[in-house]
Amino acid sequence: MPLDAWRNLGRQIHVVSDSSAWWLGDWLIYGQTHYPNRYKQAIAETSLDYQTLRNYAWVARRFTPERRHPKLSFQHHAEVTSLPEAEQDAWLTRAEINGWSRNELRRQLRGERQLTSARPRTVHIEMKLPDQQKERWQKAAERADQELLTWMVETLDHAALSLLESDRT
């Protein structure tokens, strides 16, 4: 087989391979709305494990066909799924313009996260609470000699750290 034919075949195999992740994800999403026990059946049909199939569906659900960047791989899209939609689009556009591999996109994201994690961020949360619950929290904050918001943040952070530490053991 001549080198050019071999290269062309490799490109075609890559296109089919990358497309199959999208196809499986879309297939699972369709199955979710039409059939019970879809993952059990999908595992039997594809011989892929549950987590792999779930990842395919998760990425496909986050990127409807019109939002997918055809010049980028499924894995590029998977790298940004946890971001808000506008940020997903911005990062994928940067990756496409700059010709980034999936690994380069990952490096760029990691670098950005390190920069932003050093800066505190303001988060706005709106909560609707029954009066009794708010009063109970307010009393607990007063007993701890803290403002309610400070007490809430510290209590949530303590609970999160405790849970995460118990996961390690």
C-alpha atoms as a PDB file:
ATOM      1  CA  MET A   1       0.000   0.000   0.000  1.00  0.00           C
ATOM      2  CA  PRO A   2       1.496   3.375  -0.968  1.00  0.00           C
ATOM      3  CA  LEU A   3       2.161   5.874   1.860  1.00  0.00           C
ATOM      4  CA  ASP A   4      -0.516   8.336   0.673  1.00  0.00           C
ATOM      5  CA  ALA A   5      -3.162   5.596   0.629  1.00  0.00           C
ATOM      6  CA  TRP A   6      -2.072   4.453   4.090  1.00  0.00           C
ATOM      7  CA  ARG A   7      -2.341   8.029   5.453  1.00  0.00           C
ATOM      8  CA  ASN A   8      -5.765   8.528   3.855  1.00  0.00           C
ATOM      9  CA  LEU A   9      -7.015   5.279   5.368  1.00  0.00           C
ATOM     10  CA  GLY A  10      -5.774   6.402   8.797  1.00  0.00           C
ATOM     11  CA  ARG A  11      -7.675   9.698   8.475  1.00  0.00           C
ATOM     12  CA  GLN A  12     -10.840   7.840   7.517  1.00  0.00           C
ATOM     13  CA  ILE A  13     -10.490   5.443  10.449  1.00  0.00           C
ATOM     14  CA  HIS A  14     -10.008   8.421  12.786  1.00  0.00           C
ATOM     15  CA  VAL A  15     -13.173  10.120  11.484  1.00  0.00           C
ATOM     16  CA  VAL A  16     -15.212   6.944  11.997  1.00  0.00           C
ATOM     17  CA  SER A  17     -13.688   6.347  15.436  1.00  0.00           C
ATOM     18  CA  ASP A  18     -14.330   9.910  16.639  1.00  0.00           C
ATOM     19  CA  SER A  19     -17.836   9.936  15.161  1.00  0.00           C
ATOM     20  CA  SER A  20     -18.736   6.681  16.885  1.00  0.00           C
ATOM     21  CA  ALA A  21     -18.455   8.336  20.318  1.00  0.00           C
ATOM     22  CA  TRP A  22     -21.010  10.948  19.214  1.00  0.00           C
ATOM     23  CA  TRP A  23     -23.222   8.282  17.643  1.00  0.00           C
ATOM     24  CA  LEU A  24     -23.179   6.152  20.791  1.00  0.00           C
ATOM     25  CA  GLY A  25     -23.920   9.179  22.977  1.00  0.00           C
ATOM     26  CA  ASP A  26     -26.847  10.234  20.798  1.00  0.00           C
ATOM     27  CA  TRP A  27     -28.069   6.615  20.656  1.00  0.00           C
ATOM     28  CA  LEU A  28     -28.079   6.431  24.472  1.00  0.00           C
ATOM     29  CA  ILE A  29     -29.929   9.750  24.792  1.00  0.00           C
ATOM     30  CA  TYR A  30     -32.588   8.464  22.406  1.00  0.00           C
ATOM     31  CA  GLY A  31     -32.810   5.224  24.385  1.00  0.00           C
ATOM     32  CA  GLN A  32     -33.268   7.155  27.618  1.00  0.00           C
ATOM     33  CA  THR A  33     -36.539   8.604  26.414  1.00  0.00           C
ATOM     34  CA  HIS A  34     -37.862   5.458  24.741  1.00  0.00           C
ATOM     35  CA  TYR A  35     -36.652   2.371  26.583  1.00  0.00           C
ATOM     36  CA  PRO A  36     -36.137   1.267  30.197  1.00  0.00           C
ATOM     37  CA  ASN A  37     -32.833  -0.249  31.361  1.00  0.00           C
ATOM     38  CA  ARG A  38     -30.995   1.301  28.447  1.00  0.00           C
ATOM     39  CA  TYR A  39     -27.518   1.072  30.004  1.00  0.00           C
ATOM     40  CA  LYS A  40     -27.884  -2.618  30.796  1.00  0.00           C
ATOM     41  CA  GLN A  41     -28.945  -3.237  27.204  1.00  0.00           C
ATOM     42  CA  ALA A  42     -26.256  -0.907  25.807  1.00  0.00           C
ATOM     43  CA  ILE A  43     -23.514  -2.715  27.741  1.00  0.00           C
ATOM     44  CA  ALA A  44     -24.722  -6.016  26.287  1.00  0.00           C
ATOM     45  CA  GLU A  45     -24.879  -4.601  22.751  1.00  0.00           C
ATOM     46  CA  THR A  46     -21.563  -2.731  22.733  1.00  0.00           C
ATOM     47  CA  SER A  47     -19.372  -4.572  25.288  1.00  0.00           C
ATOM     48  CA  LEU A  48     -18.417  -1.129  26.635  1.00  0.00           C
ATOM     49  CA  ASP A  49     -18.542  -0.499  30.359  1.00  0.00           C
ATOM     50  CA  TYR A  50     -21.199   1.600  32.068  1.00  0.00           C
ATOM     51  CA  GLN A  51     -18.920   4.574  32.820  1.00  0.00           C
ATOM     52  CA  THR A  52     -17.739   4.827  29.211  1.00  0.00           C
ATOM     53  CA  LEU A  53     -21.291   4.790  27.906  1.00  0.00           C
ATOM     54  CA  ARG A  54     -22.393   7.296  30.529  1.00  0.00           C
ATOM     55  CA  ASN A  55     -19.554   9.632  29.522  1.00  0.00           C
ATOM     56  CA  TYR A  56     -20.560   9.410  25.859  1.00  0.00           C
ATOM     57  CA  ALA A  57     -24.150  10.306  26.705  1.00  0.00           C
ATOM     58  CA  TRP A  58     -23.093  13.105  29.065  1.00  0.00           C
ATOM     59  CA  VAL A  59     -20.925  14.809  26.445  1.00  0.00           C
ATOM     60  CA  ALA A  60     -23.504  14.310  23.683  1.00  0.00           C
ATOM     61  CA  ARG A  61     -26.217  15.765  25.918  1.00  0.00           C
ATOM     62  CA  ARG A  62     -24.104  18.846  26.687  1.00  0.00           C
ATOM     63  CA  PHE A  63     -23.349  19.422  22.983  1.00  0.00           C
ATOM     64  CA  THR A  64     -26.349  19.246  20.711  1.00  0.00           C
ATOM     65  CA  PRO A  65     -25.348  18.547  17.096  1.00  0.00           C
ATOM     66  CA  GLU A  66     -25.505  22.224  16.099  1.00  0.00           C
ATOM     67  CA  ARG A  67     -23.060  23.179  18.909  1.00  0.00           C
ATOM     68  CA  ARG A  68     -20.450  20.563  17.997  1.00  0.00           C
ATOM     69  CA  HIS A  69     -17.240  21.723  16.377  1.00  0.00           C
ATOM     70  CA  PRO A  70     -16.690  19.281  13.498  1.00  0.00           C
ATOM     71  CA  LYS A  71     -12.984  20.149  13.226  1.00  0.00           C
ATOM     72  CA  LEU A  72     -12.439  19.097  16.860  1.00  0.00           C
ATOM     73  CA  SER A  73     -12.627  15.639  18.368  1.00  0.00           C
ATOM     74  CA  PHE A  74     -15.168  14.241  20.778  1.00  0.00           C
ATOM     75  CA  GLN A  75     -12.382  14.339  23.370  1.00  0.00           C
ATOM     76  CA  HIS A  76     -11.922  18.101  22.864  1.00  0.00           C
ATOM     77  CA  HIS A  77     -15.597  18.510  23.703  1.00  0.00           C
ATOM     78  CA  ALA A  78     -15.313  16.173  26.694  1.00  0.00           C
ATOM     79  CA  GLU A  79     -12.561  18.387  28.149  1.00  0.00           C
ATOM     80  CA  VAL A  80     -14.908  21.377  28.470  1.00  0.00           C
ATOM     81  CA  THR A  81     -18.227  19.723  29.392  1.00  0.00           C
ATOM     82  CA  SER A  82     -18.102  20.878  33.006  1.00  0.00           C
ATOM     83  CA  LEU A  83     -17.896  24.552  31.981  1.00  0.00           C
ATOM     84  CA  PRO A  84     -20.860  26.869  31.359  1.00  0.00           C
ATOM     85  CA  GLU A  85     -22.024  26.862  27.736  1.00  0.00           C
ATOM     86  CA  ALA A  86     -20.491  30.224  26.799  1.00  0.00           C
ATOM     87  CA  GLU A  87     -17.102  29.140  28.158  1.00  0.00           C
ATOM     88  CA  GLN A  88     -17.355  25.793  26.365  1.00  0.00           C
ATOM     89  CA  ASP A  89     -17.884  27.595  23.071  1.00  0.00           C
ATOM     90  CA  ALA A  90     -15.067  30.065  23.747  1.00  0.00           C
ATOM     91  CA  TRP A  91     -12.549  27.340  24.608  1.00  0.00           C
ATOM     92  CA  LEU A  92     -13.524  25.146  21.657  1.00  0.00           C
ATOM     93  CA  THR A  93     -13.241  28.115  19.309  1.00  0.00           C
ATOM     94  CA  ARG A  94      -9.756  28.899  20.697  1.00  0.00           C
ATOM     95  CA  ALA A  95      -8.742  25.263  20.270  1.00  0.00           C
ATOM     96  CA  GLU A  96      -9.991  25.246  16.692  1.00  0.00           C
ATOM     97  CA  ILE A  97      -8.341  28.564  15.737  1.00  0.00           C
ATOM     98  CA  ASN A  98      -5.026  27.612  17.342  1.00  0.00           C
ATOM     99  CA  GLY A  99      -5.052  24.011  16.141  1.00  0.00           C
ATOM    100  CA  TRP A 100      -4.724  22.670  19.696  1.00  0.00           C
ATOM    101  CA  SER A 101      -4.665  18.956  20.310  1.00  0.00           C
ATOM    102  CA  ARG A 102      -6.856  17.612  23.083  1.00  0.00           C
ATOM    103  CA  ASN A 103      -3.799  17.543  25.354  1.00  0.00           C
ATOM    104  CA  GLU A 104      -2.947  21.165  24.565  1.00  0.00           C
ATOM    105  CA  LEU A 105      -6.529  22.208  25.301  1.00  0.00           C
ATOM    106  CA  ARG A 106      -6.256  20.367  28.615  1.00  0.00           C
ATOM    107  CA  ARG A 107      -2.978  22.190  29.416  1.00  0.00           C
ATOM    108  CA  GLN A 108      -4.509  25.556  28.556  1.00  0.00           C
ATOM    109  CA  LEU A 109      -7.555  24.849  30.740  1.00  0.00           C
ATOM    110  CA  ARG A 110      -5.360  23.737  33.627  1.00  0.00           C
ATOM    111  CA  GLY A 111      -3.292  26.907  33.352  1.00  0.00           C
ATOM    112  CA  GLU A 112      -6.424  29.053  33.353  1.00  0.00           C
ATOM    113  CA  ARG A 113      -7.807  27.219  36.384  1.00  0.00           C
ATOM    114  CA  GLN A 114      -4.570  27.778  38.295  1.00  0.00           C
ATOM    115  CA  LEU A 115      -4.748  31.501  37.549  1.00  0.00           C
ATOM    116  CA  THR A 116      -8.391  31.857  38.540  1.00  0.00           C
ATOM    117  CA  SER A 117      -8.184  29.609  41.598  1.00  0.00           C
ATOM    118  CA  ALA A 118      -5.701  32.043  43.121  1.00  0.00           C
ATOM    119  CA  ARG A 119      -8.350  34.791  42.930  1.00  0.00           C
ATOM    120  CA  PRO A 120     -11.378  34.625  45.216  1.00  0.00           C
ATOM    121  CA  ARG A 121     -14.642  34.653  43.299  1.00  0.00           C
ATOM    122  CA  THR A 122     -17.978  36.096  44.251  1.00  0.00           C
ATOM    123  CA  VAL A 123     -20.857  33.646  44.067  1.00  0.00           C
ATOM    124  CA  HIS A 124     -24.470  34.776  44.336  1.00  0.00           C
ATOM    125  CA  ILE A 125     -26.859  32.246  45.815  1.00  0.00           C
ATOM    126  CA  GLU A 126     -30.553  32.729  46.370  1.00  0.00           C
ATOM    127  CA  MET A 127     -32.270  30.419  48.832  1.00  0.00           C
ATOM    128  CA  LYS A 128     -35.901  30.067  49.820  1.00  0.00           C
ATOM    129  CA  LEU A 129     -36.107  28.713  53.344  1.00  0.00           C
ATOM    130  CA  PRO A 130     -38.945  28.050  55.736  1.00  0.00           C
ATOM    131  CA  ASP A 131     -38.857  30.628  58.533  1.00  0.00           C
ATOM    132  CA  GLN A 132     -38.090  27.954  61.149  1.00  0.00           C
ATOM    133  CA  GLN A 133     -35.024  26.789  59.274  1.00  0.00           C
ATOM    134  CA  LYS A 134     -33.669  30.314  58.831  1.00  0.00           C
ATOM    135  CA  GLU A 135     -34.255  31.079  62.512  1.00  0.00           C
ATOM    136  CA  ARG A 136     -32.467  27.858  63.509  1.00  0.00           C
ATOM    137  CA  TRP A 137     -29.473  28.737  61.323  1.00  0.00           C
ATOM    138  CA  GLN A 138     -29.448  32.287  62.623  1.00  0.00           C
ATOM    139  CA  LYS A 139     -29.375  31.047  66.238  1.00  0.00           C
ATOM    140  CA  ALA A 140     -26.535  28.645  65.426  1.00  0.00           C
ATOM    141  CA  ALA A 141     -24.561  31.479  63.802  1.00  0.00           C
ATOM    142  CA  GLU A 142     -25.128  33.718  66.818  1.00  0.00           C
ATOM    143  CA  ARG A 143     -24.017  30.944  69.161  1.00  0.00           C
ATOM    144  CA  ALA A 144     -20.828  30.632  67.076  1.00  0.00           C
ATOM    145  CA  ASP A 145     -20.488  34.448  67.292  1.00  0.00           C
ATOM    146  CA  GLN A 146     -20.586  34.786  63.495  1.00  0.00           C
ATOM    147  CA  GLU A 147     -22.625  36.488  60.831  1.00  0.00           C
ATOM    148  CA  LEU A 148     -25.133  34.095  59.254  1.00  0.00           C
ATOM    149  CA  LEU A 149     -23.401  34.050  55.854  1.00  0.00           C
ATOM    150  CA  THR A 150     -19.966  33.410  57.393  1.00  0.00           C
ATOM    151  CA  TRP A 151     -21.415  30.602  59.508  1.00  0.00           C
ATOM    152  CA  MET A 152     -23.097  29.043  56.444  1.00  0.00           C
ATOM    153  CA  VAL A 153     -19.914  29.095  54.354  1.00  0.00           C
ATOM    154  CA  GLU A 154     -17.779  27.653  57.153  1.00  0.00           C
ATOM    155  CA  THR A 155     -20.362  24.969  57.947  1.00  0.00           C
ATOM    156  CA  LEU A 156     -20.644  23.923  54.296  1.00  0.00           C
ATOM    157  CA  ASP A 157     -16.867  23.925  53.847  1.00  0.00           C
ATOM    158  CA  HIS A 158     -16.404  21.813  56.984  1.00  0.00           C
ATOM    159  CA  ALA A 159     -19.046  19.334  55.777  1.00  0.00           C
ATOM    160  CA  ALA A 160     -17.417  19.112  52.340  1.00  0.00           C
ATOM    161  CA  LEU A 161     -13.932  18.534  53.772  1.00  0.00           C
ATOM    162  CA  SER A 162     -15.234  15.870  56.166  1.00  0.00           C
ATOM    163  CA  LEU A 163     -16.988  14.024  53.367  1.00  0.00           C
ATOM    164  CA  LEU A 164     -13.991  14.212  51.040  1.00  0.00           C
ATOM    165  CA  GLU A 165     -11.630  13.000  53.771  1.00  0.00           C
ATOM    166  CA  SER A 166     -13.931  10.069  54.580  1.00  0.00           C
ATOM    167  CA  ASP A 167     -13.863   9.104  50.875  1.00  0.00           C
ATOM    168  CA  ARG A 168     -10.065   8.710  51.074  1.00  0.00           C
ATOM    169  CA  THR A 169     -10.228   6.202  53.905  1.00  0.00           C
END
